[in-house]
Amino acid sequence: MPSRPLGIVLVALYSAFTAVLALLVAVLALGVAAMVGRESAGWISLLGLAVLALGIVLAAVAYGLWTRQPWAPQLTLYAYWASAGLGVVALLYDTSAGNMILQIVGIVLDLVIIRYIRKPEIIALYPAT
């Protein structure tokens, strides 16, 4: 089996790092939702659950890419499309300059990863069983 391309190593490590951050943010969001008033708790809880789900999926992406699971490229596409979508929601929710820069950089990275994973030579590394 050929060695892992540097791009796969970077995407797997980035996915693992992002998964950990997403899980921490989800716990924080769900904790805040439990402390705020009823009118805000629903929205914050929903966002927290979405980030929690994304964190779990990104952890699976990191594992799948690293261990060359046949499902990994497809799950990577789904995860990073979802991440880009959450980035757009975050842009609409918080228009501060810092958040806008962070979200735009994140969305650009998501799109770069999506383009990279779709390359035929990368797909060929993950044959269906």
C-alpha atoms as a PDB file:
ATOM      1  CA  MET A   1       0.000   0.000   0.000  1.00  0.00           C
ATOM      2  CA  PRO A   2       1.502   3.389  -0.949  1.00  0.00           C
ATOM      3  CA  SER A   3       2.301   5.879   1.790  1.00  0.00           C
ATOM      4  CA  ARG A   4      -0.219   8.553   2.701  1.00  0.00           C
ATOM      5  CA  PRO A   5       0.040  11.750   0.659  1.00  0.00           C
ATOM      6  CA  LEU A   6       0.893  14.831   2.709  1.00  0.00           C
ATOM      7  CA  GLY A   7      -2.528  16.297   1.894  1.00  0.00           C
ATOM      8  CA  ILE A   8      -4.308  13.318   3.475  1.00  0.00           C
ATOM      9  CA  VAL A   9      -2.113  13.569   6.574  1.00  0.00           C
ATOM     10  CA  LEU A  10      -2.916  17.284   6.862  1.00  0.00           C
ATOM     11  CA  VAL A  11      -6.658  16.799   6.314  1.00  0.00           C
ATOM     12  CA  ALA A  12      -6.781  13.959   8.862  1.00  0.00           C
ATOM     13  CA  LEU A  13      -4.878  16.007  11.466  1.00  0.00           C
ATOM     14  CA  TYR A  14      -6.984  19.106  10.772  1.00  0.00           C
ATOM     15  CA  SER A  15     -10.148  17.012  11.069  1.00  0.00           C
ATOM     16  CA  ALA A  16      -9.018  15.581  14.417  1.00  0.00           C
ATOM     17  CA  PHE A  17      -8.084  19.025  15.743  1.00  0.00           C
ATOM     18  CA  THR A  18     -11.357  20.524  14.527  1.00  0.00           C
ATOM     19  CA  ALA A  19     -13.310  17.610  16.033  1.00  0.00           C
ATOM     20  CA  VAL A  20     -11.834  18.301  19.460  1.00  0.00           C
ATOM     21  CA  LEU A  21     -12.607  22.020  19.158  1.00  0.00           C
ATOM     22  CA  ALA A  22     -16.138  21.306  17.947  1.00  0.00           C
ATOM     23  CA  LEU A  23     -16.805  18.979  20.870  1.00  0.00           C
ATOM     24  CA  LEU A  24     -15.557  21.616  23.332  1.00  0.00           C
ATOM     25  CA  VAL A  25     -17.702  24.324  21.707  1.00  0.00           C
ATOM     26  CA  ALA A  26     -20.734  22.021  21.742  1.00  0.00           C
ATOM     27  CA  VAL A  27     -20.344  21.324  25.463  1.00  0.00           C
ATOM     28  CA  LEU A  28     -19.945  25.048  26.109  1.00  0.00           C
ATOM     29  CA  ALA A  29     -22.997  25.925  23.992  1.00  0.00           C
ATOM     30  CA  LEU A  30     -25.160  23.295  25.675  1.00  0.00           C
ATOM     31  CA  GLY A  31     -23.992  24.524  29.082  1.00  0.00           C
ATOM     32  CA  VAL A  32     -24.846  28.118  28.186  1.00  0.00           C
ATOM     33  CA  ALA A  33     -28.235  27.026  26.848  1.00  0.00           C
ATOM     34  CA  ALA A  34     -28.998  25.479  30.214  1.00  0.00           C
ATOM     35  CA  MET A  35     -28.245  28.797  31.966  1.00  0.00           C
ATOM     36  CA  VAL A  36     -29.989  31.347  29.702  1.00  0.00           C
ATOM     37  CA  GLY A  37     -33.632  32.260  29.430  1.00  0.00           C
ATOM     38  CA  ARG A  38     -36.105  30.105  27.529  1.00  0.00           C
ATOM     39  CA  GLU A  39     -36.273  32.315  24.410  1.00  0.00           C
ATOM     40  CA  SER A  40     -32.545  31.923  23.662  1.00  0.00           C
ATOM     41  CA  ALA A  41     -32.029  28.375  24.950  1.00  0.00           C
ATOM     42  CA  GLY A  42     -33.702  26.663  21.992  1.00  0.00           C
ATOM     43  CA  TRP A  43     -31.515  28.296  19.356  1.00  0.00           C
ATOM     44  CA  ILE A  44     -28.314  27.812  21.369  1.00  0.00           C
ATOM     45  CA  SER A  45     -29.191  24.171  22.084  1.00  0.00           C
ATOM     46  CA  LEU A  46     -29.873  23.495  18.414  1.00  0.00           C
ATOM     47  CA  LEU A  47     -26.569  25.054  17.409  1.00  0.00           C
ATOM     48  CA  GLY A  48     -24.771  23.130  20.169  1.00  0.00           C
ATOM     49  CA  LEU A  49     -26.253  19.832  18.993  1.00  0.00           C
ATOM     50  CA  ALA A  50     -25.307  20.577  15.371  1.00  0.00           C
ATOM     51  CA  VAL A  51     -21.720  21.345  16.390  1.00  0.00           C
ATOM     52  CA  LEU A  52     -21.658  18.192  18.550  1.00  0.00           C
ATOM     53  CA  ALA A  53     -22.780  16.083  15.596  1.00  0.00           C
ATOM     54  CA  LEU A  54     -20.195  17.722  13.344  1.00  0.00           C
ATOM     55  CA  GLY A  55     -17.470  17.067  15.925  1.00  0.00           C
ATOM     56  CA  ILE A  56     -18.355  13.373  16.057  1.00  0.00           C
ATOM     57  CA  VAL A  57     -18.408  13.139  12.261  1.00  0.00           C
ATOM     58  CA  LEU A  58     -15.059  14.948  11.973  1.00  0.00           C
ATOM     59  CA  ALA A  59     -13.527  12.489  14.428  1.00  0.00           C
ATOM     60  CA  ALA A  60     -14.793   9.685  12.184  1.00  0.00           C
ATOM     61  CA  VAL A  61     -13.352  11.500   9.142  1.00  0.00           C
ATOM     62  CA  ALA A  62      -9.928  11.712  10.799  1.00  0.00           C
ATOM     63  CA  TYR A  63     -10.020   8.006  11.649  1.00  0.00           C
ATOM     64  CA  GLY A  64     -11.324   7.008   8.225  1.00  0.00           C
ATOM     65  CA  LEU A  65      -8.784   9.019   6.270  1.00  0.00           C
ATOM     66  CA  TRP A  66      -5.898   7.847   8.440  1.00  0.00           C
ATOM     67  CA  THR A  67      -6.845   4.161   8.266  1.00  0.00           C
ATOM     68  CA  ARG A  68      -7.951   4.316   4.616  1.00  0.00           C
ATOM     69  CA  GLN A  69     -11.534   3.258   5.144  1.00  0.00           C
ATOM     70  CA  PRO A  70     -13.480   3.079   1.857  1.00  0.00           C
ATOM     71  CA  TRP A  71     -16.214   5.367   3.229  1.00  0.00           C
ATOM     72  CA  ALA A  72     -13.799   8.115   4.301  1.00  0.00           C
ATOM     73  CA  PRO A  73     -13.770  10.319   1.170  1.00  0.00           C
ATOM     74  CA  GLN A  74     -17.575  10.461   0.974  1.00  0.00           C
ATOM     75  CA  LEU A  75     -17.928  11.206   4.689  1.00  0.00           C
ATOM     76  CA  THR A  76     -15.245  13.882   4.354  1.00  0.00           C
ATOM     77  CA  LEU A  77     -17.266  15.592   1.625  1.00  0.00           C
ATOM     78  CA  TYR A  78     -20.439  15.529   3.743  1.00  0.00           C
ATOM     79  CA  ALA A  79     -18.613  16.779   6.835  1.00  0.00           C
ATOM     80  CA  TYR A  80     -16.910  19.686   5.127  1.00  0.00           C
ATOM     81  CA  TRP A  81     -20.043  20.757   3.246  1.00  0.00           C
ATOM     82  CA  ALA A  82     -21.816  20.786   6.627  1.00  0.00           C
ATOM     83  CA  SER A  83     -18.921  22.692   8.178  1.00  0.00           C
ATOM     84  CA  ALA A  84     -19.084  25.308   5.421  1.00  0.00           C
ATOM     85  CA  GLY A  85     -22.826  25.622   6.000  1.00  0.00           C
ATOM     86  CA  LEU A  86     -22.342  26.129   9.732  1.00  0.00           C
ATOM     87  CA  GLY A  87     -19.698  28.724   8.899  1.00  0.00           C
ATOM     88  CA  VAL A  88     -22.241  30.657   6.836  1.00  0.00           C
ATOM     89  CA  VAL A  89     -24.749  30.463   9.714  1.00  0.00           C
ATOM     90  CA  ALA A  90     -22.061  31.726  12.098  1.00  0.00           C
ATOM     91  CA  LEU A  91     -21.362  34.630   9.727  1.00  0.00           C
ATOM     92  CA  LEU A  92     -25.020  35.606   9.806  1.00  0.00           C
ATOM     93  CA  TYR A  93     -25.300  35.198  13.587  1.00  0.00           C
ATOM     94  CA  ASP A  94     -22.199  37.179  14.607  1.00  0.00           C
ATOM     95  CA  THR A  95     -20.993  39.963  12.339  1.00  0.00           C
ATOM     96  CA  SER A  96     -18.007  41.020  14.442  1.00  0.00           C
ATOM     97  CA  ALA A  97     -14.795  41.476  12.453  1.00  0.00           C
ATOM     98  CA  GLY A  98     -12.967  38.680  14.283  1.00  0.00           C
ATOM     99  CA  ASN A  99     -15.747  36.174  13.708  1.00  0.00           C
ATOM    100  CA  MET A 100     -16.115  37.148  10.072  1.00  0.00           C
ATOM    101  CA  ILE A 101     -12.398  36.603   9.420  1.00  0.00           C
ATOM    102  CA  LEU A 102     -12.410  33.292  11.310  1.00  0.00           C
ATOM    103  CA  GLN A 103     -15.485  32.005   9.483  1.00  0.00           C
ATOM    104  CA  ILE A 104     -14.303  33.090   6.033  1.00  0.00           C
ATOM    105  CA  VAL A 105     -10.940  31.368   6.580  1.00  0.00           C
ATOM    106  CA  GLY A 106     -12.798  28.260   7.795  1.00  0.00           C
ATOM    107  CA  ILE A 107     -15.133  28.221   4.796  1.00  0.00           C
ATOM    108  CA  VAL A 108     -12.209  28.623   2.389  1.00  0.00           C
ATOM    109  CA  LEU A 109     -10.390  25.717   4.097  1.00  0.00           C
ATOM    110  CA  ASP A 110     -13.561  23.614   3.875  1.00  0.00           C
ATOM    111  CA  LEU A 111     -13.801  24.267   0.144  1.00  0.00           C
ATOM    112  CA  VAL A 112     -10.090  23.522  -0.408  1.00  0.00           C
ATOM    113  CA  ILE A 113     -10.506  20.190   1.417  1.00  0.00           C
ATOM    114  CA  ILE A 114     -13.607  19.344  -0.624  1.00  0.00           C
ATOM    115  CA  ARG A 115     -11.749  20.040  -3.855  1.00  0.00           C
ATOM    116  CA  TYR A 116      -8.716  18.018  -2.725  1.00  0.00           C
ATOM    117  CA  ILE A 117     -10.711  14.971  -1.602  1.00  0.00           C
ATOM    118  CA  ARG A 118     -12.524  14.861  -4.958  1.00  0.00           C
ATOM    119  CA  LYS A 119      -9.289  14.406  -6.907  1.00  0.00           C
ATOM    120  CA  PRO A 120      -9.297  11.038  -8.731  1.00  0.00           C
ATOM    121  CA  GLU A 121      -5.865  10.104  -7.382  1.00  0.00           C
ATOM    122  CA  ILE A 122      -7.106  10.656  -3.811  1.00  0.00           C
ATOM    123  CA  ILE A 123     -10.330   8.702  -4.381  1.00  0.00           C
ATOM    124  CA  ALA A 124      -8.208   5.863  -5.807  1.00  0.00           C
ATOM    125  CA  LEU A 125      -6.450   5.522  -2.425  1.00  0.00           C
ATOM    126  CA  TYR A 126      -9.756   4.459  -0.855  1.00  0.00           C
ATOM    127  CA  PRO A 127     -11.058   1.548  -2.942  1.00  0.00           C
ATOM    128  CA  ALA A 128     -14.441   0.071  -2.128  1.00  0.00           C
ATOM    129  CA  THR A 129     -14.249  -3.362  -0.583  1.00  0.00           C
END
